[in-house]
Amino acid sequence: MRHRLSLAGQLLALQLAIVLLVVGAVAAVSIAEADAAFRRVEGERLRSVGENAAINRTVRLGLGNPLARDALETVAESARAVSGASYVVVADAAGTVVTGPDAGRPAPMAGSPALSGRSWVGVLDNGSKALVAHVPVLDERDGHFIGLIIVGRAYPTLADLLASALTNLLTYLVLGAALGVGGSLLLARRVKRQTLGLEPREITGLVEHREAMLHGIKEGVIGTDAAHRVTLVNDEAIRLLGLRPDAVGRSLLEQGFEPALLDVLTGRSEGVDQVVLSDDRVVVLNRQPVVMRGRAAGSVTTLRDRTELTALRRELDVSRHTTDTLRAQAHEFVNRLHTISGLVELGEHEEVVRYINRTSELHETLNREVTQAIRDPALAALLIAKASLAAEQGVTLRIADGTDLAPVDDHLSADLVTVVGNLVDNALDAVGPGGSITVRVTTGPDGEVVVTVTDSGPGVEPALAERVFQQGWSTKDQADGHHGLGLAMIRLISAHRGGGVEVQGSTFTARLPPVREVAA
């Protein structure tokens, strides 16, 4: 197994690398500054040496009289020895060297304007790099140009320039290394304390495992901080809540959630297995606060999709309605048998016949009225079942005049069974014995089905006309398993099909267009 540096070792190595880079940069800057200082300082000194030689009378006389040029060699060597320059030579007005070993050769000018009577300092590189000063010599009588003093000094090598800055560089290196080591140890200690002593590879492993678990589970998971900002969310939670993929870091208050859903996610509504509606889905939420070091750090909420179970419940409602019908009819049949038995014992045989005929006519009339007006089998069976159930409770359920519904597709039929069933159940809870319920179902020109259920109960106060359709609102005891989803489900189904539901007093009206398909 390959050895890995600890966090402290990695930080120390990085700090030392940074220190070395900084020292290298300082060295480059120091060398550049040393080079510039050499050119500036030595250039002025070489120019000064040349100017002193140029005003020497011996030099002027020697350049003006070819017979006196032997003295120029002495003056040039004396100036070189006194100044410490590498060489000092004299050239005539044509630029030909007249002293030194290169006498008789043209002096290298490299763009120098000295032959036109102006001094110049620059760098010449004729095999060996040197800093050179050209100073013109002027005749002392009329001031015309008669020659040139050339003073040069060998250019220092890179090693020489580096050696001149070595003392400072060593100081910087030692100081930087000390600060880097000390800072790395302190930083590593602080980071290990903040990361609970975990090494970087361990932190990476934890993050990878967390991501794998977070996105691998079927349930939705969403985490928030103390300010209700999303800190983590998996794909299932994004699907169930309709979040954007970049929801992490955004506040829950900006997501446009339904109030009931937002109350659960933010903790304003507490409880276990809270059922809410999210778009077209029924979701069960469980929120767990997260407390760290005695302070609230946020929360983690799990979400389970109960949409399929709710759809199955809607299908079972049809079976339940059929069962209720059979039970009510059986109870009614027993009562009628008792009535017939009593009439027989009394010897009222003609009354028995009339009673049987009258009862049969009532059933046939109800079935005929329902099936003629409602030609969708599922909804017709529901209304017949609800009529028998209402009769058992002493409530009259009738089909309003003008009711007319042709057979519809299976999706709309299932939605109508849910809507009408919930509205009739809600009406049965609102009225008592002796009350009445009127159901009206019509189809508009565009195929929109309008369901109207009116009861003789006290009705809904105008202030509660919107609240009754909210999730969780119910007049029933929620401890008995009532979650206040009946009317909320009606609004959800209606809105999802592009319609709506409203209430005025004791009249509920739901509109269900058939053109919009239920989203998967």
Protein backbone atom coordinates (compact mmCIF):
# COMPACT_ATOMS: atom_id res chain seq x y z
CA MET A 1 0.00 0.00 0.00
CA ARG A 2 1.40 3.36 -1.00
CA HIS A 3 2.28 5.61 1.92
CA ARG A 4 0.19 8.77 2.11
CA LEU A 5 1.23 11.97 3.81
CA SER A 6 -0.92 13.11 6.70
CA LEU A 7 -2.81 16.38 6.46
CA ALA A 8 -0.05 18.16 8.41
CA GLY A 9 2.59 16.69 6.08
CA GLN A 10 0.68 17.74 2.96
CA LEU A 11 0.21 21.28 4.25
CA LEU A 12 3.92 21.47 5.20
CA ALA A 13 4.98 20.26 1.74
CA LEU A 14 2.67 22.78 0.07
CA GLN A 15 3.94 25.60 2.29
CA LEU A 16 7.59 24.73 1.57
CA ALA A 17 6.86 24.59 -2.15
CA ILE A 18 5.23 28.01 -1.92
CA VAL A 19 8.21 29.35 0.05
CA LEU A 20 10.63 28.03 -2.58
CA LEU A 21 8.57 29.59 -5.36
CA VAL A 22 8.53 32.90 -3.51
CA VAL A 23 12.30 32.75 -2.86
CA GLY A 24 12.86 31.95 -6.54
CA ALA A 25 10.74 34.94 -7.54
CA VAL A 26 12.64 37.13 -5.06
CA ALA A 27 15.94 35.85 -6.48
CA ALA A 28 14.86 36.75 -10.01
CA VAL A 29 13.78 40.20 -8.87
CA SER A 30 17.03 40.66 -6.90
CA ILE A 31 19.13 39.68 -9.92
CA ALA A 32 17.19 42.08 -12.12
CA GLU A 33 17.63 44.86 -9.55
CA ALA A 34 21.35 44.06 -9.19
CA ASP A 35 21.77 44.20 -12.97
CA ALA A 36 19.96 47.53 -13.18
CA ALA A 37 22.00 48.91 -10.26
CA PHE A 38 25.26 47.80 -11.91
CA ARG A 39 24.33 49.53 -15.14
CA ARG A 40 23.28 52.69 -13.37
CA VAL A 41 26.06 53.03 -10.79
CA GLU A 42 28.97 51.64 -12.79
CA GLY A 43 27.80 53.41 -15.93
CA GLU A 44 27.94 56.80 -14.17
CA ARG A 45 31.36 56.00 -12.69
CA LEU A 46 32.75 54.90 -16.06
CA ARG A 47 31.36 58.06 -17.64
CA SER A 48 33.03 60.11 -14.89
CA VAL A 49 36.37 58.37 -15.52
CA GLY A 50 36.06 59.09 -19.23
CA GLU A 51 35.16 62.74 -18.66
CA ASN A 52 38.19 63.23 -16.39
CA ALA A 53 40.41 61.72 -19.04
CA ALA A 54 38.76 63.74 -21.84
CA ILE A 55 39.64 67.08 -20.18
CA ASN A 56 43.23 66.01 -19.58
CA ARG A 57 45.48 68.39 -21.56
CA THR A 58 47.91 65.63 -22.40
CA VAL A 59 45.09 63.73 -24.10
CA ARG A 60 44.01 66.75 -26.07
CA LEU A 61 47.57 67.52 -27.17
CA GLY A 62 48.24 63.89 -28.00
CA LEU A 63 45.16 63.65 -30.20
CA GLY A 64 45.97 66.97 -31.84
CA ASN A 65 49.65 66.07 -32.54
CA PRO A 66 50.45 62.61 -33.87
CA LEU A 67 54.03 62.96 -32.55
CA ALA A 68 52.75 63.31 -28.97
CA ARG A 69 50.50 60.25 -28.96
CA ASP A 70 52.96 58.15 -27.00
CA ALA A 71 51.82 59.95 -23.87
CA LEU A 72 48.23 58.82 -24.43
CA GLU A 73 49.14 55.24 -23.43
CA THR A 74 50.40 56.45 -20.05
CA VAL A 75 47.29 58.54 -19.39
CA ALA A 76 44.94 55.67 -20.36
CA GLU A 77 46.74 53.10 -18.17
CA SER A 78 46.83 55.51 -15.25
CA ALA A 79 43.07 56.15 -15.54
CA ARG A 80 42.38 52.39 -15.71
CA ALA A 81 44.49 51.66 -12.63
CA VAL A 82 42.95 54.45 -10.58
CA SER A 83 39.28 53.72 -11.58
CA GLY A 84 39.41 49.90 -11.45
CA ALA A 85 37.97 49.72 -14.95
CA SER A 86 38.74 46.71 -17.12
CA TYR A 87 40.21 48.90 -19.81
CA VAL A 88 40.59 52.54 -20.91
CA VAL A 89 41.50 53.31 -24.52
CA VAL A 90 41.68 56.41 -26.66
CA ALA A 91 40.35 56.67 -30.21
CA ASP A 92 40.78 59.44 -32.76
CA ALA A 93 38.02 61.44 -34.45
CA ALA A 94 37.54 58.66 -37.04
CA GLY A 95 36.90 56.08 -34.32
CA THR A 96 40.23 54.30 -34.71
CA VAL A 97 41.84 53.08 -31.50
CA VAL A 98 45.24 54.71 -30.89
CA THR A 99 46.20 53.07 -27.55
CA GLY A 100 46.27 49.55 -26.16
CA PRO A 101 46.65 46.21 -27.90
CA ASP A 102 43.90 47.02 -30.42
CA ALA A 103 45.60 50.17 -31.70
CA GLY A 104 44.86 50.77 -35.34
CA ARG A 105 41.54 48.92 -35.25
CA PRO A 106 38.11 50.56 -35.40
CA ALA A 107 36.55 50.97 -32.01
CA PRO A 108 33.25 48.97 -31.61
CA MET A 109 30.51 51.59 -31.46
CA ALA A 110 27.24 49.50 -31.32
CA GLY A 111 25.07 52.46 -32.19
CA SER A 112 26.94 54.92 -29.93
CA PRO A 113 26.52 58.62 -30.93
CA ALA A 114 29.95 59.51 -29.46
CA LEU A 115 31.51 60.25 -32.90
CA SER A 116 28.99 63.06 -33.25
CA GLY A 117 30.20 64.67 -30.02
CA ARG A 118 27.79 63.13 -27.45
CA SER A 119 28.66 60.87 -24.55
CA TRP A 120 27.07 57.39 -24.28
CA VAL A 121 26.86 54.51 -21.81
CA GLY A 122 25.78 51.03 -22.93
CA VAL A 123 26.53 47.36 -23.19
CA LEU A 124 28.83 45.88 -25.84
CA ASP A 125 29.10 42.18 -26.53
CA ASN A 126 32.07 41.36 -28.77
CA GLY A 127 32.82 37.91 -27.45
CA SER A 128 32.87 39.21 -23.90
CA LYS A 129 30.06 41.28 -22.48
CA ALA A 130 31.08 44.65 -21.05
CA LEU A 131 29.60 47.91 -19.81
CA VAL A 132 31.17 50.74 -21.84
CA ALA A 133 31.19 54.54 -21.58
CA HIS A 134 32.05 56.67 -24.66
CA VAL A 135 33.11 60.25 -23.84
CA PRO A 136 34.03 62.67 -26.66
CA VAL A 137 37.29 64.70 -26.43
CA LEU A 138 36.94 68.34 -27.60
CA ASP A 139 39.69 70.71 -28.73
CA GLU A 140 40.40 73.21 -25.98
CA ARG A 141 40.63 76.10 -28.44
CA ASP A 142 37.58 75.87 -30.66
CA GLY A 143 35.74 72.94 -29.06
CA HIS A 144 35.56 70.73 -32.14
CA PHE A 145 35.55 66.94 -31.80
CA ILE A 146 39.05 65.49 -31.94
CA GLY A 147 38.77 62.05 -30.32
CA LEU A 148 37.08 59.62 -28.00
CA ILE A 149 37.75 58.11 -24.55
CA ILE A 150 36.43 54.53 -24.21
CA VAL A 151 36.14 53.18 -20.66
CA GLY A 152 34.88 49.62 -20.17
CA ARG A 153 34.28 47.12 -17.41
CA ALA A 154 33.58 43.41 -17.75
CA TYR A 155 29.93 42.59 -17.16
CA PRO A 156 29.31 40.45 -14.05
CA THR A 157 28.08 36.89 -14.65
CA LEU A 158 24.75 35.52 -13.39
CA ALA A 159 26.62 33.79 -10.57
CA ASP A 160 28.20 37.11 -9.57
CA LEU A 161 24.82 38.84 -9.54
CA LEU A 162 23.29 35.95 -7.56
CA ALA A 163 26.19 36.03 -5.08
CA SER A 164 25.56 39.73 -4.46
CA ALA A 165 21.97 38.93 -3.43
CA LEU A 166 22.76 35.62 -1.70
CA THR A 167 22.77 37.01 1.82
CA ASN A 168 19.26 38.43 1.51
CA LEU A 169 18.01 35.28 -0.24
CA LEU A 170 19.25 33.02 2.54
CA THR A 171 17.57 35.25 5.09
CA TYR A 172 14.29 35.11 3.16
CA LEU A 173 14.58 31.33 2.75
CA VAL A 174 15.22 30.62 6.42
CA LEU A 175 12.51 33.05 7.57
CA GLY A 176 9.99 31.74 5.03
CA ALA A 177 10.74 28.11 5.90
CA ALA A 178 10.29 28.82 9.60
CA LEU A 179 7.01 30.63 9.01
CA GLY A 180 5.86 27.91 6.62
CA VAL A 181 6.58 25.07 9.03
CA GLY A 182 5.01 26.86 11.98
CA GLY A 183 2.01 28.02 9.96
CA SER A 184 1.51 24.56 8.45
CA LEU A 185 1.47 22.89 11.85
CA LEU A 186 -0.99 25.43 13.28
CA LEU A 187 -3.18 25.25 10.17
CA ALA A 188 -3.15 21.44 10.16
CA ARG A 189 -4.09 21.41 13.84
CA ARG A 190 -6.99 23.78 13.23
CA VAL A 191 -8.21 21.91 10.15
CA LYS A 192 -8.05 18.53 11.92
CA ARG A 193 -10.08 19.99 14.78
CA GLN A 194 -12.70 21.27 12.34
CA THR A 195 -12.79 17.98 10.40
CA LEU A 196 -13.03 15.83 13.55
CA GLY A 197 -9.54 14.46 12.99
CA LEU A 198 -10.35 12.99 9.57
CA GLU A 199 -7.72 12.88 6.86
CA PRO A 200 -8.57 14.19 3.35
CA ARG A 201 -8.94 10.67 1.89
CA GLU A 202 -11.34 9.79 4.72
CA ILE A 203 -13.39 12.94 4.06
CA THR A 204 -13.47 12.09 0.34
CA GLY A 205 -14.66 8.58 1.15
CA LEU A 206 -17.41 9.88 3.41
CA VAL A 207 -18.63 12.28 0.72
CA GLU A 208 -18.65 9.51 -1.89
CA HIS A 209 -20.54 7.16 0.42
CA ARG A 210 -23.01 9.90 1.33
CA GLU A 211 -23.72 10.66 -2.32
CA ALA A 212 -24.14 6.96 -3.12
CA MET A 213 -26.55 6.44 -0.23
CA LEU A 214 -28.41 9.70 -0.78
CA HIS A 215 -29.19 9.01 -4.42
CA GLY A 216 -29.51 5.25 -4.07
CA ILE A 217 -32.47 5.09 -1.66
CA LYS A 218 -36.03 5.06 -2.92
CA GLU A 219 -37.37 7.55 -0.38
CA GLY A 220 -36.90 11.25 -0.91
CA VAL A 221 -34.52 13.06 1.45
CA ILE A 222 -34.11 16.82 1.81
CA GLY A 223 -31.90 18.57 4.35
CA THR A 224 -32.04 22.22 5.35
CA ASP A 225 -30.00 24.50 7.58
CA ALA A 226 -31.27 26.77 10.36
CA ALA A 227 -32.25 29.43 7.78
CA HIS A 228 -34.35 26.89 5.77
CA ARG A 229 -31.82 26.76 2.92
CA VAL A 230 -31.48 23.42 1.14
CA THR A 231 -28.19 21.74 2.06
CA LEU A 232 -28.77 18.34 0.47
CA VAL A 233 -31.46 16.75 -1.66
CA ASN A 234 -31.66 13.51 -3.62
CA ASP A 235 -33.26 12.80 -6.98
CA GLU A 236 -36.43 11.32 -5.48
CA ALA A 237 -37.07 14.44 -3.37
CA ILE A 238 -36.51 16.64 -6.41
CA ARG A 239 -39.12 14.59 -8.30
CA LEU A 240 -41.69 14.56 -5.49
CA LEU A 241 -41.34 18.26 -4.64
CA GLY A 242 -40.86 19.54 -8.19
CA LEU A 243 -37.55 21.21 -7.28
CA ARG A 244 -34.99 22.55 -9.71
CA PRO A 245 -31.77 20.49 -10.04
CA ASP A 246 -29.79 23.42 -8.58
CA ALA A 247 -32.00 23.68 -5.49
CA VAL A 248 -29.05 23.25 -3.09
CA GLY A 249 -28.29 26.59 -1.47
CA ARG A 250 -31.72 28.05 -2.18
CA SER A 251 -34.30 28.84 0.48
CA LEU A 252 -37.44 26.74 0.82
CA LEU A 253 -39.40 30.00 0.93
CA GLU A 254 -38.41 30.65 -2.72
CA GLN A 255 -39.69 27.33 -4.09
CA GLY A 256 -43.39 28.23 -4.32
CA PHE A 257 -44.60 25.31 -2.19
CA GLU A 258 -48.17 24.92 -1.01
CA PRO A 259 -48.61 26.37 2.52
CA ALA A 260 -49.31 22.96 4.07
CA LEU A 261 -46.17 21.45 2.49
CA LEU A 262 -44.05 24.45 3.48
CA ASP A 263 -45.31 24.27 7.07
CA VAL A 264 -44.12 20.67 7.36
CA LEU A 265 -40.72 21.30 5.75
CA THR A 266 -40.02 24.33 7.96
CA GLY A 267 -41.27 22.71 11.17
CA ARG A 268 -44.27 24.96 11.73
CA SER A 269 -46.44 21.86 11.47
CA GLU A 270 -45.20 18.99 13.63
CA GLY A 271 -46.17 15.36 13.68
CA VAL A 272 -45.40 11.90 12.33
CA ASP A 273 -46.38 10.69 8.85
CA GLN A 274 -47.92 13.99 7.79
CA VAL A 275 -49.83 13.62 4.52
CA VAL A 276 -49.71 16.55 2.10
CA LEU A 277 -50.29 17.14 -1.60
CA SER A 278 -47.38 18.15 -3.83
CA ASP A 279 -48.61 19.04 -7.29
CA ASP A 280 -50.43 15.86 -8.38
CA ARG A 281 -48.84 13.59 -5.80
CA VAL A 282 -49.79 12.52 -2.29
CA VAL A 283 -46.65 12.60 -0.14
CA VAL A 284 -46.02 11.43 3.44
CA LEU A 285 -43.40 13.51 5.26
CA ASN A 286 -41.43 12.94 8.44
CA ARG A 287 -39.25 15.81 9.63
CA GLN A 288 -36.44 15.34 12.12
CA PRO A 289 -34.67 18.44 13.58
CA VAL A 290 -30.86 18.32 13.68
CA VAL A 291 -29.21 19.64 16.85
CA MET A 292 -25.44 20.08 17.08
CA ARG A 293 -23.66 21.23 20.24
CA GLY A 294 -26.98 22.15 21.77
CA ARG A 295 -28.03 24.41 18.88
CA ALA A 296 -30.52 23.83 16.08
CA ALA A 297 -28.51 23.25 12.90
CA GLY A 298 -31.39 22.49 10.54
CA SER A 299 -33.49 19.45 9.72
CA VAL A 300 -33.73 16.30 7.62
CA THR A 301 -37.08 15.39 6.08
CA THR A 302 -37.91 12.07 4.45
CA LEU A 303 -40.66 11.80 1.82
CA ARG A 304 -42.65 8.79 0.68
CA ASP A 305 -44.81 8.76 -2.41
CA ARG A 306 -48.33 7.51 -1.65
CA THR A 307 -49.80 8.49 -5.01
CA GLU A 308 -50.11 4.90 -6.19
CA LEU A 309 -51.69 3.88 -2.88
CA THR A 310 -54.13 6.77 -3.18
CA ALA A 311 -55.00 5.72 -6.72
CA LEU A 312 -55.56 2.20 -5.44
CA ARG A 313 -57.75 3.62 -2.70
CA ARG A 314 -59.82 5.43 -5.33
CA GLU A 315 -60.32 2.13 -7.11
CA LEU A 316 -61.27 0.46 -3.84
CA ASP A 317 -63.78 3.23 -3.18
CA VAL A 318 -65.88 1.83 -6.02
CA SER A 319 -65.85 -1.57 -4.33
CA ARG A 320 -66.64 0.03 -0.99
CA HIS A 321 -69.57 1.91 -2.48
CA THR A 322 -70.87 -1.36 -3.94
CA THR A 323 -70.48 -3.05 -0.56
CA ASP A 324 -72.30 -0.17 1.14
CA THR A 325 -75.12 -0.55 -1.36
CA LEU A 326 -75.43 -4.27 -0.75
CA ARG A 327 -75.34 -3.78 3.01
CA ALA A 328 -77.97 -0.99 2.94
CA GLN A 329 -80.14 -2.95 0.56
CA ALA A 330 -79.82 -6.09 2.70
CA HIS A 331 -80.79 -4.10 5.78
CA GLU A 332 -83.69 -2.56 3.92
CA PHE A 333 -84.71 -5.97 2.59
CA VAL A 334 -84.78 -7.41 6.13
CA ASN A 335 -86.97 -4.52 7.29
CA ARG A 336 -89.37 -5.11 4.42
CA LEU A 337 -89.51 -8.85 5.13
CA HIS A 338 -90.47 -8.01 8.70
CA THR A 339 -93.16 -5.68 7.41
CA ILE A 340 -94.53 -8.35 5.03
CA SER A 341 -94.40 -10.95 7.82
CA GLY A 342 -96.42 -8.69 10.10
CA LEU A 343 -99.03 -8.01 7.42
CA VAL A 344 -99.37 -11.73 6.73
CA GLU A 345 -99.89 -12.43 10.43
CA LEU A 346 -102.60 -9.75 10.47
CA GLY A 347 -104.26 -11.36 7.46
CA GLU A 348 -103.80 -8.23 5.29
CA HIS A 349 -103.04 -10.16 2.14
CA GLU A 350 -104.16 -7.45 -0.26
CA GLU A 351 -101.99 -4.90 1.61
CA VAL A 352 -99.04 -7.26 1.27
CA VAL A 353 -99.45 -7.24 -2.51
CA ARG A 354 -99.82 -3.46 -2.64
CA TYR A 355 -96.75 -3.03 -0.35
CA ILE A 356 -94.61 -5.26 -2.52
CA ASN A 357 -95.71 -3.49 -5.71
CA ARG A 358 -95.13 -0.07 -4.17
CA THR A 359 -91.63 -1.01 -2.95
CA SER A 360 -90.67 -2.45 -6.33
CA GLU A 361 -91.87 0.67 -8.09
CA LEU A 362 -89.78 2.89 -5.78
CA HIS A 363 -86.60 0.91 -6.55
CA GLU A 364 -87.32 0.76 -10.24
CA THR A 365 -88.08 4.48 -10.29
CA LEU A 366 -84.75 5.35 -8.55
CA ASN A 367 -82.74 3.03 -10.78
CA ARG A 368 -84.51 4.31 -13.88
CA GLU A 369 -84.00 7.97 -12.93
CA VAL A 370 -80.29 7.44 -12.23
CA THR A 371 -79.48 5.28 -15.23
CA GLN A 372 -81.45 7.46 -17.66
CA ALA A 373 -79.67 10.62 -16.49
CA ILE A 374 -76.25 9.07 -15.72
CA ARG A 375 -75.22 6.67 -18.46
CA ASP A 376 -71.73 6.10 -17.08
CA PRO A 377 -72.02 2.72 -15.24
CA ALA A 378 -69.48 3.48 -12.48
CA LEU A 379 -70.98 6.84 -11.53
CA ALA A 380 -74.57 5.51 -11.77
CA ALA A 381 -73.70 2.61 -9.45
CA LEU A 382 -72.09 5.07 -7.03
CA LEU A 383 -75.18 7.29 -6.90
CA ILE A 384 -77.52 4.31 -6.40
CA ALA A 385 -75.28 3.10 -3.56
CA LYS A 386 -75.17 6.58 -2.00
CA ALA A 387 -78.99 6.87 -2.29
CA SER A 388 -79.46 3.62 -0.36
CA LEU A 389 -76.88 4.72 2.23
CA ALA A 390 -78.60 8.10 2.58
CA ALA A 391 -82.00 6.46 2.97
CA GLU A 392 -80.60 4.31 5.76
CA GLN A 393 -79.48 7.48 7.56
CA GLY A 394 -82.85 9.17 7.00
CA VAL A 395 -81.51 11.51 4.31
CA THR A 396 -83.10 11.99 0.90
CA LEU A 397 -80.73 11.93 -2.09
CA ARG A 398 -82.21 12.89 -5.43
CA ILE A 399 -80.96 13.57 -8.94
CA ALA A 400 -81.70 17.13 -10.05
CA ASP A 401 -83.64 17.89 -13.19
CA GLY A 402 -81.44 18.50 -16.19
CA THR A 403 -78.80 15.95 -15.12
CA ASP A 404 -77.34 14.37 -18.23
CA LEU A 405 -74.04 12.50 -18.57
CA ALA A 406 -73.09 10.29 -21.49
CA PRO A 407 -70.53 7.47 -21.07
CA VAL A 408 -67.03 8.93 -20.56
CA ASP A 409 -63.49 7.55 -20.74
CA ASP A 410 -62.06 5.51 -17.87
CA HIS A 411 -59.86 8.33 -16.48
CA LEU A 412 -62.70 10.84 -16.34
CA SER A 413 -65.04 8.19 -14.94
CA ALA A 414 -62.61 7.41 -12.10
CA ASP A 415 -62.20 11.13 -11.36
CA LEU A 416 -65.97 11.65 -11.35
CA VAL A 417 -66.46 8.76 -8.92
CA THR A 418 -63.87 10.31 -6.56
CA VAL A 419 -65.29 13.84 -6.84
CA VAL A 420 -68.98 12.90 -6.53
CA GLY A 421 -68.29 10.33 -3.82
CA ASN A 422 -66.36 12.82 -1.68
CA LEU A 423 -68.91 15.59 -2.20
CA VAL A 424 -71.83 13.33 -1.27
CA ASP A 425 -69.96 11.99 1.78
CA ASN A 426 -69.21 15.57 2.79
CA ALA A 427 -72.94 16.42 2.38
CA LEU A 428 -74.01 13.38 4.45
CA ASP A 429 -71.75 14.61 7.27
CA ALA A 430 -73.28 18.11 7.02
CA VAL A 431 -76.98 17.11 7.20
CA GLY A 432 -78.85 15.07 9.77
CA PRO A 433 -81.87 12.80 9.59
CA GLY A 434 -84.63 14.44 7.58
CA GLY A 435 -82.13 16.36 5.46
CA SER A 436 -81.77 16.28 1.70
CA ILE A 437 -79.00 16.18 -0.89
CA THR A 438 -79.35 17.13 -4.54
CA VAL A 439 -76.84 15.99 -7.17
CA ARG A 440 -76.62 17.52 -10.62
CA VAL A 441 -74.20 16.38 -13.33
CA THR A 442 -74.16 18.10 -16.72
CA THR A 443 -71.92 18.16 -19.76
CA GLY A 444 -71.04 21.45 -21.48
CA PRO A 445 -70.65 22.04 -25.22
CA ASP A 446 -66.88 21.65 -24.98
CA GLY A 447 -67.18 18.34 -23.12
CA GLU A 448 -66.58 19.82 -19.67
CA VAL A 449 -68.42 17.92 -16.92
CA VAL A 450 -69.92 20.11 -14.18
CA VAL A 451 -70.84 18.44 -10.87
CA THR A 452 -73.06 20.32 -8.40
CA VAL A 453 -73.94 18.93 -4.97
CA THR A 454 -76.32 20.88 -2.73
CA ASP A 455 -77.36 19.85 0.77
CA SER A 456 -79.82 21.21 3.35
CA GLY A 457 -77.09 21.72 5.94
CA PRO A 458 -75.90 25.06 7.37
CA GLY A 459 -73.41 25.57 4.54
CA VAL A 460 -69.86 26.96 4.57
CA GLU A 461 -69.21 30.44 5.87
CA PRO A 462 -67.82 32.82 3.21
CA ALA A 463 -64.65 33.30 5.27
CA LEU A 464 -63.95 29.55 5.01
CA ALA A 465 -64.85 29.18 1.33
CA GLU A 466 -61.17 28.83 0.35
CA ARG A 467 -59.85 27.23 3.49
CA VAL A 468 -62.05 24.13 3.23
CA PHE A 469 -60.08 23.05 0.15
CA GLN A 470 -56.69 23.35 1.86
CA GLN A 471 -54.71 20.29 2.83
CA GLY A 472 -55.13 19.22 6.43
CA TRP A 473 -58.31 21.24 7.08
CA SER A 474 -61.08 19.05 8.42
CA THR A 475 -63.98 19.24 10.85
CA LYS A 476 -63.39 15.57 11.73
CA ASP A 477 -61.06 14.24 14.40
CA GLN A 478 -57.66 13.62 12.76
CA ALA A 479 -56.86 11.08 15.45
CA ASP A 480 -59.34 8.78 13.69
CA GLY A 481 -57.25 8.84 10.52
CA HIS A 482 -58.88 11.84 8.82
CA HIS A 483 -56.19 13.97 7.14
CA GLY A 484 -58.43 16.57 5.55
CA LEU A 485 -57.62 15.37 2.02
CA GLY A 486 -61.15 14.83 0.67
CA LEU A 487 -61.95 18.34 -0.55
CA ALA A 488 -58.23 19.02 -1.22
CA MET A 489 -58.21 15.95 -3.47
CA ILE A 490 -61.27 17.25 -5.33
CA ARG A 491 -59.52 20.56 -5.98
CA LEU A 492 -56.34 18.74 -7.03
CA ILE A 493 -58.20 16.50 -9.52
CA SER A 494 -60.19 19.43 -10.92
CA ALA A 495 -57.18 21.71 -11.24
CA HIS A 496 -55.06 18.99 -12.80
CA ARG A 497 -57.62 18.58 -15.56
CA GLY A 498 -57.73 22.35 -16.09
CA GLY A 499 -60.93 22.95 -14.11
CA GLY A 500 -61.67 23.98 -10.55
CA VAL A 501 -63.98 23.70 -7.56
CA GLU A 502 -65.81 26.31 -5.49
CA VAL A 503 -68.41 26.51 -2.73
CA GLN A 504 -71.20 28.98 -2.06
CA GLY A 505 -73.06 28.24 1.12
CA SER A 506 -74.07 24.59 0.93
CA THR A 507 -73.54 24.22 -2.82
CA PHE A 508 -70.29 22.71 -4.12
CA THR A 509 -69.51 22.99 -7.83
CA ALA A 510 -66.65 21.11 -9.53
CA ARG A 511 -65.66 21.49 -13.19
CA LEU A 512 -63.73 18.66 -14.92
CA PRO A 513 -62.69 19.23 -18.55
CA PRO A 514 -61.99 15.95 -20.35
CA VAL A 515 -59.28 17.21 -22.66
CA ARG A 516 -56.32 17.21 -20.28
CA GLU A 517 -54.64 13.92 -19.53
CA VAL A 518 -53.41 12.99 -16.10
CA ALA A 519 -49.63 13.36 -15.92
CA ALA A 520 -47.60 10.32 -15.14
